[in-house]
């Protein structure tokens, strides 16, 4: 195994632990919409949106 695979396995294990600890349901309200989701999914989606916005900002500069 290379160091990249070891890093991927460690990150996946941390993600599993994070999800197991943050399973409670949240109610999200935004303008007229309202839905329920687990806190782990909410945090992950927020992280992914921020990542893609940052990626788009880097691509736009080039």
PDB file of N, CA and C in Angstrom:
ATOM      1  N   UNK A   1       0.839  -1.194   0.000  1.00  0.00           N
ATOM      2  CA  UNK A   1       0.000   0.000   0.000  1.00  0.00           C
ATOM      3  C   UNK A   1       0.876   1.247   0.000  1.00  0.00           C
ATOM      4  N   UNK A   2       0.477   2.181  -0.802  1.00  0.00           N
ATOM      5  CA  UNK A   2       1.205   3.438  -0.805  1.00  0.00           C
ATOM      6  C   UNK A   2       0.652   4.356   0.273  1.00  0.00           C
ATOM      7  N   UNK A   3       1.327   5.458   0.494  1.00  0.00           N
ATOM      8  CA  UNK A   3       0.896   6.396   1.523  1.00  0.00           C
ATOM      9  C   UNK A   3      -0.436   7.034   1.176  1.00  0.00           C
ATOM     10  N   UNK A   4      -0.762   7.151  -0.119  1.00  0.00           N
ATOM     11  CA  UNK A   4      -2.052   7.731  -0.515  1.00  0.00           C
ATOM     12  C   UNK A   4      -3.204   6.831  -0.085  1.00  0.00           C
ATOM     13  N   UNK A   5      -3.049   5.528  -0.251  1.00  0.00           N
ATOM     14  CA  UNK A   5      -4.103   4.594   0.148  1.00  0.00           C
ATOM     15  C   UNK A   5      -4.269   4.564   1.657  1.00  0.00           C
ATOM     16  N   UNK A   6      -3.171   4.649   2.371  1.00  0.00           N
ATOM     17  CA  UNK A   6      -3.240   4.682   3.832  1.00  0.00           C
ATOM     18  C   UNK A   6      -3.971   5.941   4.288  1.00  0.00           C
ATOM     19  N   UNK A   7      -3.687   7.062   3.667  1.00  0.00           N
ATOM     20  CA  UNK A   7      -4.368   8.311   3.989  1.00  0.00           C
ATOM     21  C   UNK A   7      -5.860   8.224   3.673  1.00  0.00           C
ATOM     22  N   UNK A   8      -6.221   7.625   2.563  1.00  0.00           N
ATOM     23  CA  UNK A   8      -7.633   7.464   2.192  1.00  0.00           C
ATOM     24  C   UNK A   8      -8.360   6.597   3.211  1.00  0.00           C
ATOM     25  N   UNK A   9      -7.735   5.507   3.648  1.00  0.00           N
ATOM     26  CA  UNK A   9      -8.356   4.624   4.644  1.00  0.00           C
ATOM     27  C   UNK A   9      -8.549   5.352   5.969  1.00  0.00           C
ATOM     28  N   UNK A  10      -7.569   6.129   6.385  1.00  0.00           N
ATOM     29  CA  UNK A  10      -7.684   6.891   7.635  1.00  0.00           C
ATOM     30  C   UNK A  10      -8.817   7.907   7.546  1.00  0.00           C
ATOM     31  N   UNK A  11      -8.908   8.616   6.427  1.00  0.00           N
ATOM     32  CA  UNK A  11      -9.981   9.601   6.250  1.00  0.00           C
ATOM     33  C   UNK A  11     -11.344   8.921   6.249  1.00  0.00           C
ATOM     34  N   UNK A  12     -11.459   7.771   5.592  1.00  0.00           N
ATOM     35  CA  UNK A  12     -12.732   7.050   5.582  1.00  0.00           C
ATOM     36  C   UNK A  12     -13.122   6.572   6.976  1.00  0.00           C
ATOM     37  N   UNK A  13     -12.152   6.107   7.745  1.00  0.00           N
ATOM     38  CA  UNK A  13     -12.437   5.683   9.117  1.00  0.00           C
ATOM     39  C   UNK A  13     -12.901   6.865   9.978  1.00  0.00           C
ATOM     40  N   UNK A  14     -12.259   8.015   9.812  1.00  0.00           N
ATOM     41  CA  UNK A  14     -12.683   9.208  10.538  1.00  0.00           C
ATOM     42  C   UNK A  14     -14.089   9.639  10.126  1.00  0.00           C
ATOM     43  N   UNK A  15     -14.406   9.508   8.834  1.00  0.00           N
ATOM     44  CA  UNK A  15     -15.741   9.836   8.347  1.00  0.00           C
ATOM     45  C   UNK A  15     -16.799   8.906   8.940  1.00  0.00           C
ATOM     46  N   UNK A  16     -16.477   7.630   9.071  1.00  0.00           N
ATOM     47  CA  UNK A  16     -17.409   6.671   9.678  1.00  0.00           C
ATOM     48  C   UNK A  16     -17.650   7.008  11.149  1.00  0.00           C
ATOM     49  N   UNK A  17     -16.589   7.329  11.870  1.00  0.00           N
ATOM     50  CA  UNK A  17     -16.737   7.699  13.281  1.00  0.00           C
ATOM     51  C   UNK A  17     -17.554   8.989  13.410  1.00  0.00           C
ATOM     52  N   UNK A  18     -17.285   9.967  12.563  1.00  0.00           N
ATOM     53  CA  UNK A  18     -18.016  11.235  12.582  1.00  0.00           C
ATOM     54  C   UNK A  18     -19.506  11.006  12.335  1.00  0.00           C
ATOM     55  N   UNK A  19     -19.821  10.189  11.352  1.00  0.00           N
ATOM     56  CA  UNK A  19     -21.218   9.903  11.027  1.00  0.00           C
ATOM     57  C   UNK A  19     -21.913   9.166  12.167  1.00  0.00           C
ATOM     58  N   UNK A  20     -21.223   8.238  12.787  1.00  0.00           N
ATOM     59  CA  UNK A  20     -21.818   7.482  13.890  1.00  0.00           C
ATOM     60  C   UNK A  20     -22.103   8.384  15.094  1.00  0.00           C
ATOM     61  N   UNK A  21     -21.296   9.394  15.298  1.00  0.00           N
ATOM     62  CA  UNK A  21     -21.479  10.272  16.448  1.00  0.00           C
ATOM     63  C   UNK A  21     -22.481  11.399  16.171  1.00  0.00           C
ATOM     64  N   UNK A  22     -22.817  11.671  14.918  1.00  0.00           N
ATOM     65  CA  UNK A  22     -23.689  12.784  14.566  1.00  0.00           C
ATOM     66  C   UNK A  22     -24.891  12.292  13.767  1.00  0.00           C
ATOM     67  N   UNK A  23     -25.672  11.441  14.378  1.00  0.00           N
ATOM     68  CA  UNK A  23     -26.801  10.858  13.670  1.00  0.00           C
ATOM     69  C   UNK A  23     -28.134  11.530  14.007  1.00  0.00           C
ATOM     70  N   UNK A  24     -28.159  12.478  14.954  1.00  0.00           N
ATOM     71  CA  UNK A  24     -29.434  13.076  15.333  1.00  0.00           C
ATOM     72  C   UNK A  24     -30.017  13.900  14.176  1.00  0.00           C
ATOM     73  N   UNK A  25     -31.336  13.989  14.166  1.00  0.00           N
ATOM     74  CA  UNK A  25     -32.062  14.641  13.082  1.00  0.00           C
ATOM     75  C   UNK A  25     -32.183  16.139  13.366  1.00  0.00           C
ATOM     76  N   UNK A  26     -31.925  16.940  12.341  1.00  0.00           N
ATOM     77  CA  UNK A  26     -32.084  18.393  12.416  1.00  0.00           C
ATOM     78  C   UNK A  26     -33.194  18.823  11.476  1.00  0.00           C
ATOM     79  N   UNK A  27     -33.870  19.903  11.829  1.00  0.00           N
ATOM     80  CA  UNK A  27     -34.827  20.473  10.898  1.00  0.00           C
ATOM     81  C   UNK A  27     -34.191  21.715  10.299  1.00  0.00           C
ATOM     82  N   UNK A  28     -34.082  21.731   8.985  1.00  0.00           N
ATOM     83  CA  UNK A  28     -33.459  22.828   8.259  1.00  0.00           C
ATOM     84  C   UNK A  28     -34.566  23.677   7.648  1.00  0.00           C
ATOM     85  N   UNK A  29     -34.511  24.987   7.875  1.00  0.00           N
ATOM     86  CA  UNK A  29     -35.473  25.908   7.272  1.00  0.00           C
ATOM     87  C   UNK A  29     -34.707  26.932   6.444  1.00  0.00           C
ATOM     88  N   UNK A  30     -35.112  27.088   5.194  1.00  0.00           N
ATOM     89  CA  UNK A  30     -34.493  28.069   4.316  1.00  0.00           C
ATOM     90  C   UNK A  30     -35.579  28.654   3.428  1.00  0.00           C
ATOM     91  N   UNK A  31     -35.840  29.940   3.602  1.00  0.00           N
ATOM     92  CA  UNK A  31     -36.907  30.645   2.897  1.00  0.00           C
ATOM     93  C   UNK A  31     -38.219  29.878   3.061  1.00  0.00           C
ATOM     94  N   UNK A  32     -38.789  29.358   1.987  1.00  0.00           N
ATOM     95  CA  UNK A  32     -40.068  28.652   2.077  1.00  0.00           C
ATOM     96  C   UNK A  32     -39.895  27.150   2.277  1.00  0.00           C
ATOM     97  N   UNK A  33     -38.668  26.645   2.199  1.00  0.00           N
ATOM     98  CA  UNK A  33     -38.423  25.212   2.294  1.00  0.00           C
ATOM     99  C   UNK A  33     -38.127  24.810   3.731  1.00  0.00           C
ATOM    100  N   UNK A  34     -38.511  23.607   4.044  1.00  0.00           N
ATOM    101  CA  UNK A  34     -38.218  23.035   5.350  1.00  0.00           C
ATOM    102  C   UNK A  34     -38.068  21.525   5.170  1.00  0.00           C
ATOM    103  N   UNK A  35     -36.977  20.973   5.684  1.00  0.00           N
ATOM    104  CA  UNK A  35     -36.770  19.534   5.596  1.00  0.00           C
ATOM    105  C   UNK A  35     -35.947  19.057   6.777  1.00  0.00           C
ATOM    106  N   UNK A  36     -35.948  17.748   6.962  1.00  0.00           N
ATOM    107  CA  UNK A  36     -35.202  17.133   8.059  1.00  0.00           C
ATOM    108  C   UNK A  36     -34.055  16.305   7.497  1.00  0.00           C
ATOM    109  N   UNK A  37     -32.928  16.366   8.203  1.00  0.00           N
ATOM    110  CA  UNK A  37     -31.737  15.646   7.771  1.00  0.00           C
ATOM    111  C   UNK A  37     -30.875  15.378   8.996  1.00  0.00           C
ATOM    112  N   UNK A  38     -29.989  14.398   8.894  1.00  0.00           N
ATOM    113  CA  UNK A  38     -29.056  14.165  10.002  1.00  0.00           C
ATOM    114  C   UNK A  38     -27.990  15.259  10.003  1.00  0.00           C
ATOM    115  N   UNK A  39     -27.445  15.526  11.150  1.00  0.00           N
ATOM    116  CA  UNK A  39     -26.448  16.589  11.246  1.00  0.00           C
ATOM    117  C   UNK A  39     -25.184  16.246  10.468  1.00  0.00           C
ATOM    118  N   UNK A  40     -24.830  14.976  10.372  1.00  0.00           N
ATOM    119  CA  UNK A  40     -23.640  14.582   9.621  1.00  0.00           C
ATOM    120  C   UNK A  40     -23.809  14.897   8.137  1.00  0.00           C
ATOM    121  N   UNK A  41     -24.988  14.605   7.587  1.00  0.00           N
ATOM    122  CA  UNK A  41     -25.232  14.889   6.168  1.00  0.00           C
ATOM    123  C   UNK A  41     -25.242  16.391   5.928  1.00  0.00           C
ATOM    124  N   UNK A  42     -25.843  17.138   6.842  1.00  0.00           N
ATOM    125  CA  UNK A  42     -25.893  18.595   6.706  1.00  0.00           C
ATOM    126  C   UNK A  42     -24.489  19.186   6.694  1.00  0.00           C
ATOM    127  N   UNK A  43     -23.644  18.735   7.596  1.00  0.00           N
ATOM    128  CA  UNK A  43     -22.268  19.240   7.654  1.00  0.00           C
ATOM    129  C   UNK A  43     -21.498  18.827   6.402  1.00  0.00           C
ATOM    130  N   UNK A  44     -21.680  17.583   5.956  1.00  0.00           N
ATOM    131  CA  UNK A  44     -20.982  17.106   4.766  1.00  0.00           C
ATOM    132  C   UNK A  44     -21.395  17.892   3.525  1.00  0.00           C
ATOM    133  N   UNK A  45     -22.686  18.156   3.362  1.00  0.00           N
ATOM    134  CA  UNK A  45     -23.161  18.921   2.202  1.00  0.00           C
ATOM    135  C   UNK A  45     -22.617  20.344   2.251  1.00  0.00           C
ATOM    136  N   UNK A  46     -22.599  20.959   3.418  1.00  0.00           N
ATOM    137  CA  UNK A  46     -22.034  22.306   3.560  1.00  0.00           C
ATOM    138  C   UNK A  46     -20.552  22.321   3.191  1.00  0.00           C
ATOM    139  N   UNK A  47     -19.827  21.302   3.627  1.00  0.00           N
ATOM    140  CA  UNK A  47     -18.415  21.180   3.294  1.00  0.00           C
ATOM    141  C   UNK A  47     -18.215  21.014   1.793  1.00  0.00           C
ATOM    142  N   UNK A  48     -19.031  20.179   1.160  1.00  0.00           N
ATOM    143  CA  UNK A  48     -18.917  19.941  -0.278  1.00  0.00           C
ATOM    144  C   UNK A  48     -19.229  21.206  -1.071  1.00  0.00           C
ATOM    145  N   UNK A  49     -20.256  21.941  -0.668  1.00  0.00           N
ATOM    146  CA  UNK A  49     -20.593  23.192  -1.357  1.00  0.00           C
ATOM    147  C   UNK A  49     -19.444  24.190  -1.235  1.00  0.00           C
ATOM    148  N   UNK A  50     -18.883  24.323  -0.052  1.00  0.00           N
ATOM    149  CA  UNK A  50     -17.737  25.220   0.136  1.00  0.00           C
ATOM    150  C   UNK A  50     -16.537  24.797  -0.684  1.00  0.00           C
ATOM    151  N   UNK A  51     -16.296  23.492  -0.778  1.00  0.00           N
ATOM    152  CA  UNK A  51     -15.179  22.982  -1.574  1.00  0.00           C
ATOM    153  C   UNK A  51     -15.361  23.343  -3.047  1.00  0.00           C
ATOM    154  N   UNK A  52     -16.574  23.122  -3.579  1.00  0.00           N
ATOM    155  CA  UNK A  52     -16.817  23.407  -4.989  1.00  0.00           C
ATOM    156  C   UNK A  52     -16.784  24.904  -5.293  1.00  0.00           C
ATOM    157  N   UNK A  53     -17.233  25.736  -4.372  1.00  0.00           N
ATOM    158  CA  UNK A  53     -17.123  27.182  -4.572  1.00  0.00           C
ATOM    159  C   UNK A  53     -15.652  27.585  -4.609  1.00  0.00           C
ATOM    160  N   UNK A  54     -14.858  27.050  -3.698  1.00  0.00           N
ATOM    161  CA  UNK A  54     -13.418  27.328  -3.718  1.00  0.00           C
ATOM    162  C   UNK A  54     -12.749  26.824  -4.973  1.00  0.00           C
ATOM    163  N   UNK A  55     -13.156  25.648  -5.445  1.00  0.00           N
ATOM    164  CA  UNK A  55     -12.612  25.100  -6.680  1.00  0.00           C
ATOM    165  C   UNK A  55     -12.959  25.983  -7.872  1.00  0.00           C
ATOM    166  N   UNK A  56     -14.189  26.450  -7.931  1.00  0.00           N
ATOM    167  CA  UNK A  56     -14.602  27.344  -9.012  1.00  0.00           C
ATOM    168  C   UNK A  56     -13.843  28.664  -8.972  1.00  0.00           C
ATOM    169  N   UNK A  57     -13.555  29.156  -7.796  1.00  0.00           N
ATOM    170  CA  UNK A  57     -12.797  30.408  -7.675  1.00  0.00           C
ATOM    171  C   UNK A  57     -11.361  30.217  -8.170  1.00  0.00           C
ATOM    172  N   UNK A  58     -10.769  29.063  -7.904  1.00  0.00           N
ATOM    173  CA  UNK A  58      -9.417  28.781  -8.393  1.00  0.00           C
ATOM    174  C   UNK A  58      -9.400  28.620  -9.905  1.00  0.00           C
ATOM    175  N   UNK A  59     -10.391  27.953 -10.447  1.00  0.00           N
ATOM    176  CA  UNK A  59     -10.450  27.744 -11.897  1.00  0.00           C
ATOM    177  C   UNK A  59     -10.683  29.067 -12.601  1.00  0.00           C
ATOM    178  N   UNK A  60     -11.502  29.918 -12.028  1.00  0.00           N
ATOM    179  CA  UNK A  60     -11.835  31.200 -12.644  1.00  0.00           C
ATOM    180  C   UNK A  60     -10.602  32.094 -12.754  1.00  0.00           C
ATOM    181  N   UNK A  61      -9.668  32.025 -11.820  1.00  0.00           N
ATOM    182  CA  UNK A  61      -8.466  32.852 -11.841  1.00  0.00           C
ATOM    183  C   UNK A  61      -7.535  32.455 -12.979  1.00  0.00           C
ATOM    184  N   UNK A  62      -7.559  31.200 -13.397  1.00  0.00           N
ATOM    185  CA  UNK A  62      -6.648  30.733 -14.446  1.00  0.00           C
ATOM    186  C   UNK A  62      -7.080  31.136 -15.791  1.00  0.00           C
TER     187      UNK A  62
END
